[in-house]
Protein backbone atom coordinates (compact mmCIF):
# COMPACT_ATOMS: atom_id res chain seq x y z
CA UNK A 1 0.00 0.00 0.00
CA UNK A 2 1.56 3.27 -1.13
CA UNK A 3 0.65 6.50 0.62
CA UNK A 4 -1.41 8.95 -1.36
CA UNK A 5 0.15 12.41 -1.72
CA UNK A 6 -3.15 13.95 -0.70
CA UNK A 7 -3.07 12.06 2.61
CA UNK A 8 0.54 13.10 3.21
CA UNK A 9 -0.38 16.74 2.56
CA UNK A 10 -3.29 16.53 5.00
CA UNK A 11 -1.01 15.02 7.64
CA UNK A 12 1.53 17.80 7.21
CA UNK A 13 -1.19 20.45 7.46
CA UNK A 14 -2.61 18.86 10.62
CA UNK A 15 0.89 18.65 12.15
CA UNK A 16 1.47 22.33 11.33
CA UNK A 17 -1.82 23.39 12.88
CA UNK A 18 -1.06 21.36 16.01
CA UNK A 19 2.39 22.93 16.22
CA UNK A 20 0.93 26.44 16.01
CA UNK A 21 -1.71 25.62 18.66
CA UNK A 22 0.84 24.10 21.05
CA UNK A 23 3.17 27.06 20.46
CA UNK A 24 0.34 29.48 21.23
CA UNK A 25 -0.54 27.62 24.41
CA UNK A 26 3.08 27.61 25.57
CA UNK A 27 3.45 31.31 24.71
CA UNK A 28 0.25 32.14 26.62
CA UNK A 29 1.24 30.08 29.64
CA UNK A 30 4.68 31.70 29.72
CA UNK A 31 2.95 35.06 30.14
CA UNK A 32 0.83 33.75 33.05
CA UNK A 33 3.38 31.71 35.00
CA UNK A 34 6.99 32.29 35.91
CA UNK A 35 8.49 28.93 34.88
CA UNK A 36 11.84 29.84 36.43
CA UNK A 37 10.43 29.79 39.95
CA UNK A 38 8.88 26.30 39.83
CA UNK A 39 10.34 23.74 42.20
CA UNK A 40 12.51 21.24 40.34
CA UNK A 41 14.24 23.88 38.20
CA UNK A 42 18.02 23.67 38.10
CA UNK A 43 19.96 26.93 37.88
CA UNK A 44 23.56 26.58 36.72
CA UNK A 45 25.61 29.77 36.67
CA UNK A 46 29.33 30.21 36.08
CA UNK A 47 30.77 33.57 35.13
CA UNK A 48 28.88 34.93 32.12
CA UNK A 49 27.09 31.61 31.46
CA UNK A 50 23.65 30.82 32.91
CA UNK A 51 21.73 27.63 32.18
CA UNK A 52 18.20 27.03 33.47
CA UNK A 53 16.87 23.45 33.22
CA UNK A 54 13.11 23.27 33.99
CA UNK A 55 12.77 19.57 34.90
CA UNK A 56 9.34 19.77 36.57
CA UNK A 57 7.93 22.01 33.85
CA UNK A 58 9.15 19.55 31.21
CA UNK A 59 7.47 16.64 32.99
CA UNK A 60 4.19 18.57 33.35
CA UNK A 61 4.26 19.60 29.69
CA UNK A 62 4.95 16.00 28.66
CA UNK A 63 1.97 14.72 30.66
CA UNK A 64 -0.38 17.37 29.25
CA UNK A 65 0.72 16.75 25.65
CA UNK A 66 0.44 12.97 26.09
CA UNK A 67 -3.14 13.29 27.32
CA UNK A 68 -3.99 15.75 24.54
CA UNK A 69 -2.54 13.56 21.79
CA UNK A 70 -4.24 10.44 23.17
CA UNK A 71 -7.59 12.25 23.10
CA UNK A 72 -7.00 13.43 19.53
CA UNK A 73 -6.04 9.93 18.36
CA UNK A 74 -9.03 8.40 20.15
CA UNK A 75 -11.47 10.82 18.46
CA UNK A 76 -9.85 10.32 15.03
CA UNK A 77 -10.30 6.53 15.23
CA UNK A 78 -14.06 6.78 15.79
PDB file of N, CA and C in Angstrom:
ATOM      1  N   UNK A   1       0.846  -1.183   0.000  1.00  0.00           N
ATOM      2  CA  UNK A   1       0.000   0.000   0.000  1.00  0.00           C
ATOM      3  C   UNK A   1       0.888   1.242   0.000  1.00  0.00           C
ATOM      4  N   UNK A   2       0.772   2.048  -1.030  1.00  0.00           N
ATOM      5  CA  UNK A   2       1.564   3.270  -1.125  1.00  0.00           C
ATOM      6  C   UNK A   2       0.750   4.450  -0.615  1.00  0.00           C
ATOM      7  N   UNK A   3       1.396   5.345   0.113  1.00  0.00           N
ATOM      8  CA  UNK A   3       0.651   6.501   0.623  1.00  0.00           C
ATOM      9  C   UNK A   3       0.277   7.456  -0.505  1.00  0.00           C
ATOM     10  N   UNK A   4      -0.899   7.980  -0.404  1.00  0.00           N
ATOM     11  CA  UNK A   4      -1.406   8.946  -1.365  1.00  0.00           C
ATOM     12  C   UNK A   4      -0.835  10.321  -1.003  1.00  0.00           C
ATOM     13  N   UNK A   5      -0.414  11.086  -1.995  1.00  0.00           N
ATOM     14  CA  UNK A   5       0.151  12.413  -1.716  1.00  0.00           C
ATOM     15  C   UNK A   5      -0.857  13.328  -1.038  1.00  0.00           C
ATOM     16  N   UNK A   6      -2.118  13.134  -1.336  1.00  0.00           N
ATOM     17  CA  UNK A   6      -3.154  13.948  -0.695  1.00  0.00           C
ATOM     18  C   UNK A   6      -3.201  13.674   0.805  1.00  0.00           C
ATOM     19  N   UNK A   7      -3.070  12.404   1.186  1.00  0.00           N
ATOM     20  CA  UNK A   7      -3.072  12.056   2.608  1.00  0.00           C
ATOM     21  C   UNK A   7      -1.830  12.595   3.315  1.00  0.00           C
ATOM     22  N   UNK A   8      -0.693  12.551   2.632  1.00  0.00           N
ATOM     23  CA  UNK A   8       0.536  13.096   3.214  1.00  0.00           C
ATOM     24  C   UNK A   8       0.392  14.600   3.423  1.00  0.00           C
ATOM     25  N   UNK A   9      -0.179  15.286   2.446  1.00  0.00           N
ATOM     26  CA  UNK A   9      -0.380  16.738   2.563  1.00  0.00           C
ATOM     27  C   UNK A   9      -1.303  17.066   3.727  1.00  0.00           C
ATOM     28  N   UNK A  10      -2.378  16.301   3.879  1.00  0.00           N
ATOM     29  CA  UNK A  10      -3.294  16.528   5.002  1.00  0.00           C
ATOM     30  C   UNK A  10      -2.581  16.316   6.334  1.00  0.00           C
ATOM     31  N   UNK A  11      -1.750  15.282   6.410  1.00  0.00           N
ATOM     32  CA  UNK A  11      -1.006  15.017   7.640  1.00  0.00           C
ATOM     33  C   UNK A  11      -0.052  16.141   7.987  1.00  0.00           C
ATOM     34  N   UNK A  12       0.609  16.690   6.978  1.00  0.00           N
ATOM     35  CA  UNK A  12       1.533  17.800   7.212  1.00  0.00           C
ATOM     36  C   UNK A  12       0.776  19.044   7.662  1.00  0.00           C
ATOM     37  N   UNK A  13      -0.379  19.293   7.067  1.00  0.00           N
ATOM     38  CA  UNK A  13      -1.189  20.452   7.465  1.00  0.00           C
ATOM     39  C   UNK A  13      -1.671  20.299   8.899  1.00  0.00           C
ATOM     40  N   UNK A  14      -2.138  19.105   9.257  1.00  0.00           N
ATOM     41  CA  UNK A  14      -2.611  18.857  10.625  1.00  0.00           C
ATOM     42  C   UNK A  14      -1.459  19.028  11.615  1.00  0.00           C
ATOM     43  N   UNK A  15      -0.278  18.505  11.269  1.00  0.00           N
ATOM     44  CA  UNK A  15       0.888  18.649  12.149  1.00  0.00           C
ATOM     45  C   UNK A  15       1.258  20.120  12.316  1.00  0.00           C
ATOM     46  N   UNK A  16       1.167  20.898  11.244  1.00  0.00           N
ATOM     47  CA  UNK A  16       1.469  22.325  11.327  1.00  0.00           C
ATOM     48  C   UNK A  16       0.488  23.073  12.205  1.00  0.00           C
ATOM     49  N   UNK A  17      -0.794  22.745  12.058  1.00  0.00           N
ATOM     50  CA  UNK A  17      -1.818  23.394  12.884  1.00  0.00           C
ATOM     51  C   UNK A  17      -1.605  23.037  14.351  1.00  0.00           C
ATOM     52  N   UNK A  18      -1.312  21.768  14.632  1.00  0.00           N
ATOM     53  CA  UNK A  18      -1.063  21.360  16.015  1.00  0.00           C
ATOM     54  C   UNK A  18       0.166  22.073  16.581  1.00  0.00           C
ATOM     55  N   UNK A  19       1.193  22.237  15.767  1.00  0.00           N
ATOM     56  CA  UNK A  19       2.392  22.927  16.216  1.00  0.00           C
ATOM     57  C   UNK A  19       2.100  24.383  16.556  1.00  0.00           C
ATOM     58  N   UNK A  20       1.296  25.043  15.743  1.00  0.00           N
ATOM     59  CA  UNK A  20       0.927  26.437  16.010  1.00  0.00           C
ATOM     60  C   UNK A  20       0.089  26.531  17.283  1.00  0.00           C
ATOM     61  N   UNK A  21      -0.854  25.601  17.467  1.00  0.00           N
ATOM     62  CA  UNK A  21      -1.711  25.616  18.659  1.00  0.00           C
ATOM     63  C   UNK A  21      -0.875  25.386  19.917  1.00  0.00           C
ATOM     64  N   UNK A  22      -0.002  24.384  19.885  1.00  0.00           N
ATOM     65  CA  UNK A  22       0.836  24.101  21.054  1.00  0.00           C
ATOM     66  C   UNK A  22       1.772  25.278  21.331  1.00  0.00           C
ATOM     67  N   UNK A  23       2.326  25.885  20.287  1.00  0.00           N
ATOM     68  CA  UNK A  23       3.174  27.061  20.464  1.00  0.00           C
ATOM     69  C   UNK A  23       2.416  28.216  21.085  1.00  0.00           C
ATOM     70  N   UNK A  24       1.171  28.423  20.655  1.00  0.00           N
ATOM     71  CA  UNK A  24       0.344  29.480  21.234  1.00  0.00           C
ATOM     72  C   UNK A  24       0.025  29.225  22.694  1.00  0.00           C
ATOM     73  N   UNK A  25      -0.252  27.965  23.017  1.00  0.00           N
ATOM     74  CA  UNK A  25      -0.536  27.615  24.413  1.00  0.00           C
ATOM     75  C   UNK A  25       0.696  27.855  25.279  1.00  0.00           C
ATOM     76  N   UNK A  26       1.845  27.417  24.806  1.00  0.00           N
ATOM     77  CA  UNK A  26       3.081  27.613  25.572  1.00  0.00           C
ATOM     78  C   UNK A  26       3.392  29.096  25.722  1.00  0.00           C
ATOM     79  N   UNK A  27       3.206  29.864  24.650  1.00  0.00           N
ATOM     80  CA  UNK A  27       3.447  31.307  24.715  1.00  0.00           C
ATOM     81  C   UNK A  27       2.501  31.962  25.717  1.00  0.00           C
ATOM     82  N   UNK A  28       1.220  31.578  25.688  1.00  0.00           N
ATOM     83  CA  UNK A  28       0.247  32.143  26.619  1.00  0.00           C
ATOM     84  C   UNK A  28       0.549  31.773  28.060  1.00  0.00           C
ATOM     85  N   UNK A  29       0.925  30.513  28.281  1.00  0.00           N
ATOM     86  CA  UNK A  29       1.244  30.084  29.639  1.00  0.00           C
ATOM     87  C   UNK A  29       2.512  30.752  30.160  1.00  0.00           C
ATOM     88  N   UNK A  30       3.451  31.039  29.269  1.00  0.00           N
ATOM     89  CA  UNK A  30       4.676  31.699  29.723  1.00  0.00           C
ATOM     90  C   UNK A  30       4.391  33.120  30.200  1.00  0.00           C
ATOM     91  N   UNK A  31       3.336  33.725  29.681  1.00  0.00           N
ATOM     92  CA  UNK A  31       2.948  35.061  30.143  1.00  0.00           C
ATOM     93  C   UNK A  31       2.263  35.003  31.510  1.00  0.00           C
ATOM     94  N   UNK A  32       1.568  33.878  31.792  1.00  0.00           N
ATOM     95  CA  UNK A  32       0.826  33.753  33.045  1.00  0.00           C
ATOM     96  C   UNK A  32       1.699  33.276  34.202  1.00  0.00           C
ATOM     97  N   UNK A  33       2.596  32.335  33.932  1.00  0.00           N
ATOM     98  CA  UNK A  33       3.377  31.713  34.996  1.00  0.00           C
ATOM     99  C   UNK A  33       4.852  32.027  34.816  1.00  0.00           C
ATOM    100  N   UNK A  34       5.549  32.121  35.937  1.00  0.00           N
ATOM    101  CA  UNK A  34       6.995  32.287  35.910  1.00  0.00           C
ATOM    102  C   UNK A  34       7.618  30.899  36.031  1.00  0.00           C
ATOM    103  N   UNK A  35       7.976  30.298  34.895  1.00  0.00           N
ATOM    104  CA  UNK A  35       8.490  28.929  34.884  1.00  0.00           C
ATOM    105  C   UNK A  35       9.830  28.809  35.600  1.00  0.00           C
ATOM    106  N   UNK A  36      10.543  29.899  35.776  1.00  0.00           N
ATOM    107  CA  UNK A  36      11.844  29.837  36.433  1.00  0.00           C
ATOM    108  C   UNK A  36      11.713  29.577  37.925  1.00  0.00           C
ATOM    109  N   UNK A  37      10.575  29.907  38.502  1.00  0.00           N
ATOM    110  CA  UNK A  37      10.428  29.785  39.948  1.00  0.00           C
ATOM    111  C   UNK A  37       9.755  28.484  40.379  1.00  0.00           C
ATOM    112  N   UNK A  38       9.474  27.575  39.448  1.00  0.00           N
ATOM    113  CA  UNK A  38       8.884  26.296  39.827  1.00  0.00           C
ATOM    114  C   UNK A  38       9.898  25.456  40.597  1.00  0.00           C
ATOM    115  N   UNK A  39       9.415  24.662  41.560  1.00  0.00           N
ATOM    116  CA  UNK A  39      10.343  23.735  42.201  1.00  0.00           C
ATOM    117  C   UNK A  39      10.799  22.698  41.173  1.00  0.00           C
ATOM    118  N   UNK A  40      12.000  22.213  41.297  1.00  0.00           N
ATOM    119  CA  UNK A  40      12.515  21.245  40.340  1.00  0.00           C
ATOM    120  C   UNK A  40      13.229  21.886  39.169  1.00  0.00           C
ATOM    121  N   UNK A  41      13.502  23.184  39.250  1.00  0.00           N
ATOM    122  CA  UNK A  41      14.236  23.877  38.200  1.00  0.00           C
ATOM    123  C   UNK A  41      15.689  24.024  38.630  1.00  0.00           C
ATOM    124  N   UNK A  42      16.594  23.565  37.792  1.00  0.00           N
ATOM    125  CA  UNK A  42      18.015  23.666  38.096  1.00  0.00           C
ATOM    126  C   UNK A  42      18.576  24.954  37.508  1.00  0.00           C
ATOM    127  N   UNK A  43      19.303  25.696  38.319  1.00  0.00           N
ATOM    128  CA  UNK A  43      19.962  26.928  37.877  1.00  0.00           C
ATOM    129  C   UNK A  43      21.468  26.697  37.935  1.00  0.00           C
ATOM    130  N   UNK A  44      22.115  26.730  36.786  1.00  0.00           N
ATOM    131  CA  UNK A  44      23.564  26.576  36.717  1.00  0.00           C
ATOM    132  C   UNK A  44      24.149  27.897  36.233  1.00  0.00           C
ATOM    133  N   UNK A  45      25.046  28.472  37.028  1.00  0.00           N
ATOM    134  CA  UNK A  45      25.610  29.766  36.667  1.00  0.00           C
ATOM    135  C   UNK A  45      27.106  29.773  36.966  1.00  0.00           C
ATOM    136  N   UNK A  46      27.887  30.065  35.930  1.00  0.00           N
ATOM    137  CA  UNK A  46      29.327  30.214  36.085  1.00  0.00           C
ATOM    138  C   UNK A  46      29.772  31.396  35.238  1.00  0.00           C
ATOM    139  N   UNK A  47      30.293  32.393  35.855  1.00  0.00           N
ATOM    140  CA  UNK A  47      30.768  33.569  35.132  1.00  0.00           C
ATOM    141  C   UNK A  47      29.667  34.230  34.323  1.00  0.00           C
ATOM    142  N   UNK A  48      29.865  34.317  33.010  1.00  0.00           N
ATOM    143  CA  UNK A  48      28.876  34.927  32.119  1.00  0.00           C
ATOM    144  C   UNK A  48      27.850  33.931  31.600  1.00  0.00           C
ATOM    145  N   UNK A  49      27.956  32.659  31.986  1.00  0.00           N
ATOM    146  CA  UNK A  49      27.089  31.605  31.464  1.00  0.00           C
ATOM    147  C   UNK A  49      26.028  31.240  32.491  1.00  0.00           C
ATOM    148  N   UNK A  50      24.765  31.247  32.066  1.00  0.00           N
ATOM    149  CA  UNK A  50      23.654  30.820  32.913  1.00  0.00           C
ATOM    150  C   UNK A  50      22.832  29.799  32.148  1.00  0.00           C
ATOM    151  N   UNK A  51      22.539  28.676  32.798  1.00  0.00           N
ATOM    152  CA  UNK A  51      21.726  27.628  32.184  1.00  0.00           C
ATOM    153  C   UNK A  51      20.596  27.285  33.146  1.00  0.00           C
ATOM    154  N   UNK A  52      19.363  27.356  32.665  1.00  0.00           N
ATOM    155  CA  UNK A  52      18.195  27.034  33.474  1.00  0.00           C
ATOM    156  C   UNK A  52      17.560  25.785  32.881  1.00  0.00           C
ATOM    157  N   UNK A  53      17.429  24.724  33.685  1.00  0.00           N
ATOM    158  CA  UNK A  53      16.867  23.455  33.225  1.00  0.00           C
ATOM    159  C   UNK A  53      15.560  23.214  33.976  1.00  0.00           C
ATOM    160  N   UNK A  54      14.412  23.422  33.321  1.00  0.00           N
ATOM    161  CA  UNK A  54      13.113  23.266  33.990  1.00  0.00           C
ATOM    162  C   UNK A  54      12.630  21.813  33.961  1.00  0.00           C
ATOM    163  N   UNK A  55      13.101  20.996  34.897  1.00  0.00           N
ATOM    164  CA  UNK A  55      12.773  19.572  34.905  1.00  0.00           C
ATOM    165  C   UNK A  55      11.287  19.357  35.183  1.00  0.00           C
ATOM    166  N   UNK A  56      10.742  19.965  36.222  1.00  0.00           N
ATOM    167  CA  UNK A  56       9.336  19.768  36.568  1.00  0.00           C
ATOM    168  C   UNK A  56       8.414  20.309  35.482  1.00  0.00           C
ATOM    169  N   UNK A  57       8.746  21.452  34.924  1.00  0.00           N
ATOM    170  CA  UNK A  57       7.925  22.013  33.849  1.00  0.00           C
ATOM    171  C   UNK A  57       7.933  21.095  32.634  1.00  0.00           C
ATOM    172  N   UNK A  58       9.064  20.476  32.337  1.00  0.00           N
ATOM    173  CA  UNK A  58       9.148  19.546  31.211  1.00  0.00           C
ATOM    174  C   UNK A  58       8.283  18.316  31.450  1.00  0.00           C
ATOM    175  N   UNK A  59       8.292  17.809  32.665  1.00  0.00           N
ATOM    176  CA  UNK A  59       7.470  16.643  32.992  1.00  0.00           C
ATOM    177  C   UNK A  59       5.991  16.995  32.890  1.00  0.00           C
ATOM    178  N   UNK A  60       5.597  18.149  33.431  1.00  0.00           N
ATOM    179  CA  UNK A  60       4.194  18.566  33.353  1.00  0.00           C
ATOM    180  C   UNK A  60       3.752  18.766  31.910  1.00  0.00           C
ATOM    181  N   UNK A  61       4.578  19.385  31.102  1.00  0.00           N
ATOM    182  CA  UNK A  61       4.257  19.597  29.694  1.00  0.00           C
ATOM    183  C   UNK A  61       4.139  18.267  28.963  1.00  0.00           C
ATOM    184  N   UNK A  62       5.000  17.322  29.277  1.00  0.00           N
ATOM    185  CA  UNK A  62       4.950  16.003  28.662  1.00  0.00           C
ATOM    186  C   UNK A  62       3.652  15.283  29.005  1.00  0.00           C
ATOM    187  N   UNK A  63       3.221  15.369  30.246  1.00  0.00           N
ATOM    188  CA  UNK A  63       1.970  14.721  30.661  1.00  0.00           C
ATOM    189  C   UNK A  63       0.779  15.351  29.949  1.00  0.00           C
ATOM    190  N   UNK A  64       0.737  16.671  29.905  1.00  0.00           N
ATOM    191  CA  UNK A  64      -0.379  17.369  29.253  1.00  0.00           C
ATOM    192  C   UNK A  64      -0.431  17.036  27.765  1.00  0.00           C
ATOM    193  N   UNK A  65       0.706  17.055  27.085  1.00  0.00           N
ATOM    194  CA  UNK A  65       0.723  16.751  25.655  1.00  0.00           C
ATOM    195  C   UNK A  65       0.374  15.291  25.380  1.00  0.00           C
ATOM    196  N   UNK A  66       0.791  14.374  26.256  1.00  0.00           N
ATOM    197  CA  UNK A  66       0.438  12.966  26.092  1.00  0.00           C
ATOM    198  C   UNK A  66      -1.066  12.775  26.192  1.00  0.00           C
ATOM    199  N   UNK A  67      -1.688  13.393  27.171  1.00  0.00           N
ATOM    200  CA  UNK A  67      -3.143  13.293  27.318  1.00  0.00           C
ATOM    201  C   UNK A  67      -3.846  13.906  26.117  1.00  0.00           C
ATOM    202  N   UNK A  68      -3.386  15.070  25.679  1.00  0.00           N
ATOM    203  CA  UNK A  68      -3.994  15.747  24.537  1.00  0.00           C
ATOM    204  C   UNK A  68      -3.883  14.914  23.262  1.00  0.00           C
ATOM    205  N   UNK A  69      -2.714  14.378  22.988  1.00  0.00           N
ATOM    206  CA  UNK A  69      -2.539  13.562  21.787  1.00  0.00           C
ATOM    207  C   UNK A  69      -3.332  12.264  21.855  1.00  0.00           C
ATOM    208  N   UNK A  70      -3.424  11.651  23.034  1.00  0.00           N
ATOM    209  CA  UNK A  70      -4.242  10.442  23.174  1.00  0.00           C
ATOM    210  C   UNK A  70      -5.712  10.734  22.907  1.00  0.00           C
ATOM    211  N   UNK A  71      -6.200  11.878  23.370  1.00  0.00           N
ATOM    212  CA  UNK A  71      -7.594  12.246  23.099  1.00  0.00           C
ATOM    213  C   UNK A  71      -7.819  12.494  21.612  1.00  0.00           C
ATOM    214  N   UNK A  72      -6.870  13.163  20.963  1.00  0.00           N
ATOM    215  CA  UNK A  72      -7.002  13.426  19.529  1.00  0.00           C
ATOM    216  C   UNK A  72      -7.007  12.123  18.745  1.00  0.00           C
ATOM    217  N   UNK A  73      -6.103  11.211  19.065  1.00  0.00           N
ATOM    218  CA  UNK A  73      -6.043   9.927  18.363  1.00  0.00           C
ATOM    219  C   UNK A  73      -7.306   9.120  18.611  1.00  0.00           C
ATOM    220  N   UNK A  74      -7.816   9.155  19.833  1.00  0.00           N
ATOM    221  CA  UNK A  74      -9.028   8.403  20.155  1.00  0.00           C
ATOM    222  C   UNK A  74     -10.229   8.917  19.360  1.00  0.00           C
ATOM    223  N   UNK A  75     -10.347  10.252  19.211  1.00  0.00           N
ATOM    224  CA  UNK A  75     -11.465  10.816  18.457  1.00  0.00           C
ATOM    225  C   UNK A  75     -11.303  10.612  16.955  1.00  0.00           C
ATOM    226  N   UNK A  76     -10.068  10.533  16.459  1.00  0.00           N
ATOM    227  CA  UNK A  76      -9.850  10.316  15.028  1.00  0.00           C
ATOM    228  C   UNK A  76     -10.163   8.880  14.618  1.00  0.00           C
ATOM    229  N   UNK A  77     -10.032   7.935  15.540  1.00  0.00           N
ATOM    230  CA  UNK A  77     -10.304   6.532  15.227  1.00  0.00           C
ATOM    231  C   UNK A  77     -11.783   6.192  15.254  1.00  0.00           C
ATOM    232  N   UNK A  78     -12.618   7.066  15.735  1.00  0.00           N
ATOM    233  CA  UNK A  78     -14.062   6.781  15.787  1.00  0.00           C
ATOM    234  C   UNK A  78     -14.736   7.182  14.527  1.00  0.00           C
TER     235      UNK A  78
END
